[in-house]
Amino acid sequence: MEDLVLVGRIARAHGNKGQVIVNTDTDFPDERFRPGEVMLVGAAATPRTIRDVRFQQGRPIVTFDGVESMDDAEALAGSELWIPSDRQEPLPPGTFYHHDLIGCEVRDSKAGVIGRVTAVEGTMEMSRLVVEGPDLEVLIPLVAEICTSIDTTAREVSVTVPDGLIELNETAKKPGRR
């Protein structure tokens, strides 16, 4: 699964004709969820072709080839949807896929290493890095004024954090979290 990219999760069945509602994990749902696109479904990465799709309240309602009944659709509930990483569209300069940022070390110009990116929250226009340090988790806005340099090849994000931002946005790590 190393060369695969998560693009969504099947939330539940919809109707009685094999349709499923998808919670997307992509900023490009219109490009990812189109008839003819092939998704790799579940832990077994079973290829399934999208036969039909429509959007309701921003979420795709998908009909996959071979999923014909409510029972078939219910069996897919909770499954993750993947695509090969080489099917990703090129991004405009200064934008990044979330999975390229996860695992990057975040280093402040004054304080040194803050931690590693464990998630990216929000939309493309208003994203935040979730950075986990040894004792805290902090949200850092993903904006050019704060994230001054991002090198996904070197796995580093350089930040210049305004005074008080870390303290304002930090939370103690929950027990049992890595």
C-alpha atoms as a PDB file:
ATOM      1  CA  MET A   1       0.000   0.000   0.000  1.00  0.00           C
ATOM      2  CA  GLU A   2       3.107   2.212   0.011  1.00  0.00           C
ATOM      3  CA  ASP A   3       2.525   3.488  -3.538  1.00  0.00           C
ATOM      4  CA  LEU A   4      -1.181   4.106  -2.954  1.00  0.00           C
ATOM      5  CA  VAL A   5      -2.942   7.305  -1.968  1.00  0.00           C
ATOM      6  CA  LEU A   6      -6.086   7.387   0.159  1.00  0.00           C
ATOM      7  CA  VAL A   7      -8.853   9.362  -1.585  1.00  0.00           C
ATOM      8  CA  GLY A   8     -11.916   8.431   0.483  1.00  0.00           C
ATOM      9  CA  ARG A   9     -13.812   6.091   2.754  1.00  0.00           C
ATOM     10  CA  ILE A  10     -17.139   4.438   2.126  1.00  0.00           C
ATOM     11  CA  ALA A  11     -19.494   5.746   4.788  1.00  0.00           C
ATOM     12  CA  ARG A  12     -22.515   3.560   4.153  1.00  0.00           C
ATOM     13  CA  ALA A  13     -24.920   2.120   1.619  1.00  0.00           C
ATOM     14  CA  HIS A  14     -27.363   4.502  -0.058  1.00  0.00           C
ATOM     15  CA  GLY A  15     -30.661   3.183  -1.357  1.00  0.00           C
ATOM     16  CA  ASN A  16     -31.254  -0.378  -2.468  1.00  0.00           C
ATOM     17  CA  LYS A  17     -29.388  -0.497  -5.805  1.00  0.00           C
ATOM     18  CA  GLY A  18     -25.797  -0.857  -4.596  1.00  0.00           C
ATOM     19  CA  GLN A  19     -24.885   2.796  -4.241  1.00  0.00           C
ATOM     20  CA  VAL A  20     -22.529   3.992  -1.495  1.00  0.00           C
ATOM     21  CA  ILE A  21     -21.890   7.383   0.102  1.00  0.00           C
ATOM     22  CA  VAL A  22     -18.218   8.353   0.212  1.00  0.00           C
ATOM     23  CA  ASN A  23     -16.447  10.629   2.680  1.00  0.00           C
ATOM     24  CA  THR A  24     -13.670  12.120   0.574  1.00  0.00           C
ATOM     25  CA  ASP A  25     -10.022  12.515   1.555  1.00  0.00           C
ATOM     26  CA  THR A  26      -9.164  14.605  -1.478  1.00  0.00           C
ATOM     27  CA  ASP A  27      -9.385  18.252  -2.432  1.00  0.00           C
ATOM     28  CA  PHE A  28     -10.343  17.120  -5.948  1.00  0.00           C
ATOM     29  CA  PRO A  29     -13.525  15.028  -5.598  1.00  0.00           C
ATOM     30  CA  ASP A  30     -14.822  15.949  -9.067  1.00  0.00           C
ATOM     31  CA  GLU A  31     -11.673  14.566 -10.699  1.00  0.00           C
ATOM     32  CA  ARG A  32     -11.318  11.525  -8.451  1.00  0.00           C
ATOM     33  CA  PHE A  33     -14.925  10.357  -8.528  1.00  0.00           C
ATOM     34  CA  ARG A  34     -16.004  10.086 -12.174  1.00  0.00           C
ATOM     35  CA  PRO A  35     -17.489   7.257 -14.200  1.00  0.00           C
ATOM     36  CA  GLY A  36     -14.728   5.017 -15.532  1.00  0.00           C
ATOM     37  CA  GLU A  37     -12.271   5.759 -12.695  1.00  0.00           C
ATOM     38  CA  VAL A  38     -10.868   2.685 -10.949  1.00  0.00           C
ATOM     39  CA  MET A  39     -10.575   2.691  -7.151  1.00  0.00           C
ATOM     40  CA  LEU A  40      -8.766   0.103  -5.069  1.00  0.00           C
ATOM     41  CA  VAL A  41     -11.224  -0.834  -2.333  1.00  0.00           C
ATOM     42  CA  GLY A  42     -10.435  -2.051   1.180  1.00  0.00           C
ATOM     43  CA  ALA A  43      -7.423  -3.715   2.711  1.00  0.00           C
ATOM     44  CA  ALA A  44      -7.292  -6.212  -0.173  1.00  0.00           C
ATOM     45  CA  ALA A  45      -7.136  -3.280  -2.653  1.00  0.00           C
ATOM     46  CA  THR A  46      -9.801  -4.857  -4.862  1.00  0.00           C
ATOM     47  CA  PRO A  47     -10.118  -2.880  -8.120  1.00  0.00           C
ATOM     48  CA  ARG A  48     -13.611  -1.476  -8.664  1.00  0.00           C
ATOM     49  CA  THR A  49     -14.677   0.754 -11.551  1.00  0.00           C
ATOM     50  CA  ILE A  50     -17.046   3.647 -10.920  1.00  0.00           C
ATOM     51  CA  ARG A  51     -20.119   3.138 -13.097  1.00  0.00           C
ATOM     52  CA  ASP A  52     -22.033   6.212 -11.981  1.00  0.00           C
ATOM     53  CA  VAL A  53     -21.622   9.082  -9.527  1.00  0.00           C
ATOM     54  CA  ARG A  54     -23.605  12.065  -8.368  1.00  0.00           C
ATOM     55  CA  PHE A  55     -22.914  14.522  -5.582  1.00  0.00           C
ATOM     56  CA  GLN A  56     -25.268  15.207  -2.703  1.00  0.00           C
ATOM     57  CA  GLN A  57     -24.330  17.815  -0.091  1.00  0.00           C
ATOM     58  CA  GLY A  58     -20.738  17.742  -1.341  1.00  0.00           C
ATOM     59  CA  ARG A  59     -20.311  13.980  -0.983  1.00  0.00           C
ATOM     60  CA  PRO A  60     -20.154  11.539  -3.886  1.00  0.00           C
ATOM     61  CA  ILE A  61     -22.786   8.848  -4.127  1.00  0.00           C
ATOM     62  CA  VAL A  62     -21.054   6.152  -6.130  1.00  0.00           C
ATOM     63  CA  THR A  63     -22.195   3.068  -8.002  1.00  0.00           C
ATOM     64  CA  PHE A  64     -19.360   0.585  -8.566  1.00  0.00           C
ATOM     65  CA  ASP A  65     -19.439  -2.155 -11.195  1.00  0.00           C
ATOM     66  CA  GLY A  66     -20.280  -5.445  -9.489  1.00  0.00           C
ATOM     67  CA  VAL A  67     -22.052  -3.816  -6.528  1.00  0.00           C
ATOM     68  CA  GLU A  68     -25.696  -4.391  -7.376  1.00  0.00           C
ATOM     69  CA  SER A  69     -27.629  -4.609  -4.119  1.00  0.00           C
ATOM     70  CA  MET A  70     -27.948  -2.965  -0.733  1.00  0.00           C
ATOM     71  CA  ASP A  71     -26.260  -6.023   0.801  1.00  0.00           C
ATOM     72  CA  ASP A  72     -23.292  -5.653  -1.585  1.00  0.00           C
ATOM     73  CA  ALA A  73     -23.019  -1.951  -0.703  1.00  0.00           C
ATOM     74  CA  GLU A  74     -23.336  -2.551   3.050  1.00  0.00           C
ATOM     75  CA  ALA A  75     -20.458  -5.033   2.846  1.00  0.00           C
ATOM     76  CA  LEU A  76     -18.240  -2.170   1.633  1.00  0.00           C
ATOM     77  CA  ALA A  77     -19.126   0.219   4.476  1.00  0.00           C
ATOM     78  CA  GLY A  78     -15.975   1.449   6.207  1.00  0.00           C
ATOM     79  CA  SER A  79     -13.704   0.452   3.323  1.00  0.00           C
ATOM     80  CA  GLU A  80     -10.972   2.839   2.278  1.00  0.00           C
ATOM     81  CA  LEU A  81     -10.645   3.912  -1.358  1.00  0.00           C
ATOM     82  CA  TRP A  82      -7.147   4.163  -2.840  1.00  0.00           C
ATOM     83  CA  ILE A  83      -5.534   5.124  -6.128  1.00  0.00           C
ATOM     84  CA  PRO A  84      -1.952   4.523  -7.308  1.00  0.00           C
ATOM     85  CA  SER A  85       0.211   7.539  -6.480  1.00  0.00           C
ATOM     86  CA  ASP A  86       1.205   7.941 -10.136  1.00  0.00           C
ATOM     87  CA  ARG A  87      -2.427   8.894 -10.933  1.00  0.00           C
ATOM     88  CA  GLN A  88      -2.203  12.082  -8.865  1.00  0.00           C
ATOM     89  CA  GLU A  89      -2.621  15.317 -10.768  1.00  0.00           C
ATOM     90  CA  PRO A  90       0.236  17.828 -10.660  1.00  0.00           C
ATOM     91  CA  LEU A  91      -0.378  20.616  -8.149  1.00  0.00           C
ATOM     92  CA  PRO A  92       0.158  24.340  -8.566  1.00  0.00           C
ATOM     93  CA  PRO A  93       3.380  25.724  -7.030  1.00  0.00           C
ATOM     94  CA  GLY A  94       3.202  26.180  -3.274  1.00  0.00           C
ATOM     95  CA  THR A  95       0.551  23.490  -2.755  1.00  0.00           C
ATOM     96  CA  PHE A  96       1.113  19.970  -1.466  1.00  0.00           C
ATOM     97  CA  TYR A  97      -0.718  16.715  -1.124  1.00  0.00           C
ATOM     98  CA  HIS A  98      -1.472  15.982   2.528  1.00  0.00           C
ATOM     99  CA  HIS A  99       0.313  12.625   2.439  1.00  0.00           C
ATOM    100  CA  ASP A 100       3.483  14.389   1.263  1.00  0.00           C
ATOM    101  CA  LEU A 101       3.472  16.541   4.421  1.00  0.00           C
ATOM    102  CA  ILE A 102       2.717  13.780   6.919  1.00  0.00           C
ATOM    103  CA  GLY A 103       5.927  12.662   8.605  1.00  0.00           C
ATOM    104  CA  CYS A 104       7.822  15.883   7.847  1.00  0.00           C
ATOM    105  CA  GLU A 105       9.856  17.329  10.723  1.00  0.00           C
ATOM    106  CA  VAL A 106       8.711  20.828  11.720  1.00  0.00           C
ATOM    107  CA  ARG A 107      11.502  23.144  12.800  1.00  0.00           C
ATOM    108  CA  ASP A 108      11.006  26.672  14.165  1.00  0.00           C
ATOM    109  CA  SER A 109      13.642  29.275  13.312  1.00  0.00           C
ATOM    110  CA  LYS A 110      13.948  30.213  17.028  1.00  0.00           C
ATOM    111  CA  ALA A 111      12.836  27.217  19.085  1.00  0.00           C
ATOM    112  CA  GLY A 112      14.247  24.371  16.985  1.00  0.00           C
ATOM    113  CA  VAL A 113      12.383  21.118  16.363  1.00  0.00           C
ATOM    114  CA  ILE A 114       8.695  21.259  17.312  1.00  0.00           C
ATOM    115  CA  GLY A 115       7.763  17.760  16.163  1.00  0.00           C
ATOM    116  CA  ARG A 116       6.463  15.805  13.161  1.00  0.00           C
ATOM    117  CA  VAL A 117       3.374  16.373  11.038  1.00  0.00           C
ATOM    118  CA  THR A 118       0.837  13.649  11.856  1.00  0.00           C
ATOM    119  CA  ALA A 119      -2.117  15.062   9.898  1.00  0.00           C
ATOM    120  CA  VAL A 120      -3.313  17.975   7.829  1.00  0.00           C
ATOM    121  CA  GLU A 121      -6.723  19.391   8.693  1.00  0.00           C
ATOM    122  CA  GLY A 122      -9.001  21.763   6.857  1.00  0.00           C
ATOM    123  CA  THR A 123      -9.551  22.683   3.236  1.00  0.00           C
ATOM    124  CA  MET A 124      -6.948  23.595   0.640  1.00  0.00           C
ATOM    125  CA  GLU A 125      -7.581  27.278   1.381  1.00  0.00           C
ATOM    126  CA  MET A 126      -7.436  26.958   5.187  1.00  0.00           C
ATOM    127  CA  SER A 127      -5.194  24.023   6.108  1.00  0.00           C
ATOM    128  CA  ARG A 128      -3.487  23.391   9.452  1.00  0.00           C
ATOM    129  CA  LEU A 129      -0.604  21.082  10.205  1.00  0.00           C
ATOM    130  CA  VAL A 130      -1.152  18.812  13.186  1.00  0.00           C
ATOM    131  CA  VAL A 131       2.322  18.563  14.692  1.00  0.00           C
ATOM    132  CA  GLU A 132       3.090  16.056  17.412  1.00  0.00           C
ATOM    133  CA  GLY A 133       6.049  16.718  19.676  1.00  0.00           C
ATOM    134  CA  PRO A 134       7.288  14.674  22.627  1.00  0.00           C
ATOM    135  CA  ASP A 135       4.800  16.168  25.086  1.00  0.00           C
ATOM    136  CA  LEU A 136       2.312  18.150  23.032  1.00  0.00           C
ATOM    137  CA  GLU A 137       0.304  18.367  19.881  1.00  0.00           C
ATOM    138  CA  VAL A 138       0.042  21.745  18.183  1.00  0.00           C
ATOM    139  CA  LEU A 139      -1.892  23.127  15.210  1.00  0.00           C
ATOM    140  CA  ILE A 140       0.120  25.334  12.882  1.00  0.00           C
ATOM    141  CA  PRO A 141      -1.604  27.247  10.066  1.00  0.00           C
ATOM    142  CA  LEU A 142      -0.281  26.186   6.675  1.00  0.00           C
ATOM    143  CA  VAL A 143       0.328  29.682   5.332  1.00  0.00           C
ATOM    144  CA  ALA A 144       3.424  31.146   3.651  1.00  0.00           C
ATOM    145  CA  GLU A 145       3.935  33.720   6.421  1.00  0.00           C
ATOM    146  CA  ILE A 146       4.385  30.936   9.005  1.00  0.00           C
ATOM    147  CA  CYS A 147       5.525  27.926   6.960  1.00  0.00           C
ATOM    148  CA  THR A 148       8.439  29.643   5.275  1.00  0.00           C
ATOM    149  CA  SER A 149       9.970  26.592   3.576  1.00  0.00           C
ATOM    150  CA  ILE A 150       8.576  23.159   2.754  1.00  0.00           C
ATOM    151  CA  ASP A 151      10.870  20.481   1.367  1.00  0.00           C
ATOM    152  CA  THR A 152       8.935  17.225   0.964  1.00  0.00           C
ATOM    153  CA  THR A 153      12.026  15.458  -0.410  1.00  0.00           C
ATOM    154  CA  ALA A 154      14.069  16.271   2.706  1.00  0.00           C
ATOM    155  CA  ARG A 155      10.896  15.760   4.822  1.00  0.00           C
ATOM    156  CA  GLU A 156      11.254  19.200   6.510  1.00  0.00           C
ATOM    157  CA  VAL A 157       8.960  22.142   7.138  1.00  0.00           C
ATOM    158  CA  SER A 158      10.631  25.335   8.364  1.00  0.00           C
ATOM    159  CA  VAL A 159       8.354  27.661  10.298  1.00  0.00           C
ATOM    160  CA  THR A 160       8.583  31.091  11.845  1.00  0.00           C
ATOM    161  CA  VAL A 161       5.912  30.928  14.505  1.00  0.00           C
ATOM    162  CA  PRO A 162       4.525  34.199  15.874  1.00  0.00           C
ATOM    163  CA  ASP A 163       4.989  34.662  19.617  1.00  0.00           C
ATOM    164  CA  GLY A 164       2.299  32.819  21.574  1.00  0.00           C
ATOM    165  CA  LEU A 165       0.960  30.696  18.672  1.00  0.00           C
ATOM    166  CA  ILE A 166       2.370  27.411  19.987  1.00  0.00           C
ATOM    167  CA  GLU A 167       1.003  28.005  23.493  1.00  0.00           C
ATOM    168  CA  LEU A 168      -2.367  29.065  22.064  1.00  0.00           C
ATOM    169  CA  ASN A 169      -2.737  26.005  19.824  1.00  0.00           C
ATOM    170  CA  GLU A 170      -1.125  23.246  21.885  1.00  0.00           C
ATOM    171  CA  THR A 171      -2.838  20.385  23.621  1.00  0.00           C
ATOM    172  CA  ALA A 172      -1.319  17.750  25.855  1.00  0.00           C
ATOM    173  CA  LYS A 173      -0.820  14.412  24.152  1.00  0.00           C
ATOM    174  CA  LYS A 174      -3.453  11.914  25.041  1.00  0.00           C
ATOM    175  CA  PRO A 175      -2.299   8.889  27.046  1.00  0.00           C
ATOM    176  CA  GLY A 176      -1.487   5.936  24.844  1.00  0.00           C
ATOM    177  CA  ARG A 177      -0.812   7.996  21.708  1.00  0.00           C
ATOM    178  CA  ARG A 178       2.457   7.476  19.916  1.00  0.00           C
END
